[in-house]
Amino acid sequence: MIRNVLVACAVLSLCLSPTANAQTRTQQLADCLLQNASGEDEKLMKDLLIKALQDAPADDLQASAMALGFSIYNLGTSFCEMTPQEVSSGVFEQAAEIYGEALGEKIVTDAFSKIG
């Protein structure tokens, strides 16, 4: 009886694991990116936000987005043990999106705290 329950649990975990593991790893990667973000990373995000708010030409926005993307990639590979498979599987893209939203929120919150 116990053996059957253990086998059933193992089969169930194999069926559920890929998605659950990918979501967990995505959040782990995003958290690691945020923990290791530097002032330079914030500057790159601010540059992108300012260009977007100023309706900069598409080429300028793309250049800023590329610089930020390379910075995020470097954070992932240098500090977060990100693998090439995570880049190609979409884990990196999802983690970078979470990271970008959180970093943008931090920048805006910091700005508003300065004005009271």
Protein backbone atom coordinates (compact mmCIF):
# COMPACT_ATOMS: atom_id res chain seq x y z
CA MET A 1 0.00 0.00 0.00
CA ILE A 2 2.68 2.51 1.02
CA ARG A 3 4.75 1.49 -1.98
CA ASN A 4 1.80 2.23 -4.32
CA VAL A 5 1.34 5.66 -2.73
CA LEU A 6 5.05 6.44 -3.15
CA VAL A 7 5.00 5.34 -6.78
CA ALA A 8 1.91 7.44 -7.44
CA CYS A 9 3.55 10.47 -5.81
CA ALA A 10 6.69 9.98 -7.88
CA VAL A 11 4.71 9.73 -11.13
CA LEU A 12 2.66 12.78 -10.22
CA SER A 13 5.76 14.81 -9.39
CA LEU A 14 7.32 13.87 -12.73
CA CYS A 15 4.22 15.11 -14.52
CA LEU A 16 4.07 18.38 -12.60
CA SER A 17 7.77 19.11 -12.16
CA PRO A 18 8.81 20.70 -15.46
CA THR A 19 6.38 23.61 -15.21
CA ALA A 20 6.73 24.00 -11.46
CA ASN A 21 10.52 23.81 -11.68
CA ALA A 22 10.64 26.35 -14.49
CA GLN A 23 8.45 28.77 -12.53
CA THR A 24 10.54 28.27 -9.41
CA ARG A 25 13.78 28.75 -11.33
CA THR A 26 12.38 31.83 -13.06
CA GLN A 27 11.62 33.43 -9.70
CA GLN A 28 14.98 32.33 -8.26
CA LEU A 29 16.78 33.88 -11.21
CA ALA A 30 14.76 37.11 -10.96
CA ASP A 31 15.51 37.33 -7.23
CA CYS A 32 19.20 36.76 -7.85
CA LEU A 33 19.26 39.43 -10.56
CA LEU A 34 17.63 41.91 -8.17
CA GLN A 35 20.01 41.05 -5.34
CA ASN A 36 23.02 41.62 -7.57
CA ALA A 37 21.85 44.71 -9.44
CA SER A 38 24.30 47.58 -9.24
CA GLY A 39 24.03 51.32 -9.58
CA GLU A 40 25.08 50.92 -13.20
CA ASP A 41 22.13 48.61 -13.83
CA GLU A 42 19.80 51.23 -12.37
CA LYS A 43 21.37 53.86 -14.63
CA LEU A 44 20.69 51.69 -17.67
CA MET A 45 17.05 51.23 -16.63
CA LYS A 46 16.67 54.97 -15.95
CA ASP A 47 18.12 55.74 -19.37
CA LEU A 48 15.59 53.44 -21.02
CA LEU A 49 12.70 54.90 -19.02
CA ILE A 50 13.71 58.49 -19.79
CA LYS A 51 14.04 57.77 -23.50
CA ALA A 52 10.63 56.11 -23.50
CA LEU A 53 9.04 59.05 -21.69
CA GLN A 54 10.65 61.52 -24.07
CA ASP A 55 9.40 59.62 -27.12
CA ALA A 56 12.94 59.05 -28.32
CA PRO A 57 13.44 57.54 -31.76
CA ALA A 58 13.06 53.78 -31.99
CA ASP A 59 16.79 53.31 -32.64
CA ASP A 60 17.64 55.07 -29.38
CA LEU A 61 15.12 52.96 -27.46
CA GLN A 62 16.46 49.77 -29.02
CA ALA A 63 20.03 50.72 -28.13
CA SER A 64 19.06 51.37 -24.51
CA ALA A 65 17.06 48.14 -24.35
CA MET A 66 20.01 46.19 -25.77
CA ALA A 67 22.41 47.70 -23.23
CA LEU A 68 20.04 46.81 -20.40
CA GLY A 69 19.53 43.31 -21.83
CA PHE A 70 23.29 42.68 -21.99
CA SER A 71 23.63 43.91 -18.43
CA ILE A 72 20.89 41.55 -17.25
CA TYR A 73 22.49 38.67 -19.18
CA ASN A 74 25.87 39.42 -17.57
CA LEU A 75 24.29 39.50 -14.12
CA GLY A 76 22.67 36.14 -14.79
CA THR A 77 25.81 34.44 -15.99
CA SER A 78 28.18 36.09 -13.50
CA PHE A 79 26.16 35.87 -10.29
CA CYS A 80 23.16 33.60 -10.80
CA GLU A 81 24.55 30.47 -12.48
CA MET A 82 22.30 31.02 -15.48
CA THR A 83 22.75 28.39 -18.18
CA PRO A 84 22.47 28.69 -21.97
CA GLN A 85 19.44 26.37 -21.77
CA GLU A 86 17.67 28.89 -19.54
CA VAL A 87 18.27 31.60 -22.12
CA SER A 88 16.85 29.51 -24.95
CA SER A 89 13.95 28.05 -22.94
CA GLY A 90 12.42 31.37 -21.95
CA VAL A 91 13.35 31.21 -18.26
CA PHE A 92 15.77 34.11 -18.74
CA GLU A 93 13.22 36.21 -20.61
CA GLN A 94 10.59 35.72 -17.91
CA ALA A 95 13.09 36.40 -15.12
CA ALA A 96 14.32 39.53 -16.92
CA GLU A 97 10.74 40.76 -17.19
CA ILE A 98 10.19 40.28 -13.44
CA TYR A 99 13.54 41.95 -12.77
CA GLY A 100 12.74 44.89 -15.05
CA GLU A 101 9.36 45.49 -13.44
CA ALA A 102 10.82 45.35 -9.93
CA LEU A 103 13.77 47.58 -10.79
CA GLY A 104 11.48 50.09 -12.51
CA GLU A 105 9.21 50.13 -9.46
CA LYS A 106 12.21 50.71 -7.20
CA ILE A 107 13.38 53.63 -9.33
CA VAL A 108 9.96 55.28 -9.30
CA THR A 109 9.50 54.65 -5.56
CA ASP A 110 12.93 56.13 -4.83
CA ALA A 111 12.11 59.17 -6.95
CA PHE A 112 8.80 59.81 -5.18
CA SER A 113 10.39 59.36 -1.76
CA LYS A 114 12.71 62.27 -2.56
CA ILE A 115 9.79 64.61 -3.09
CA GLY A 116 8.03 63.64 0.09
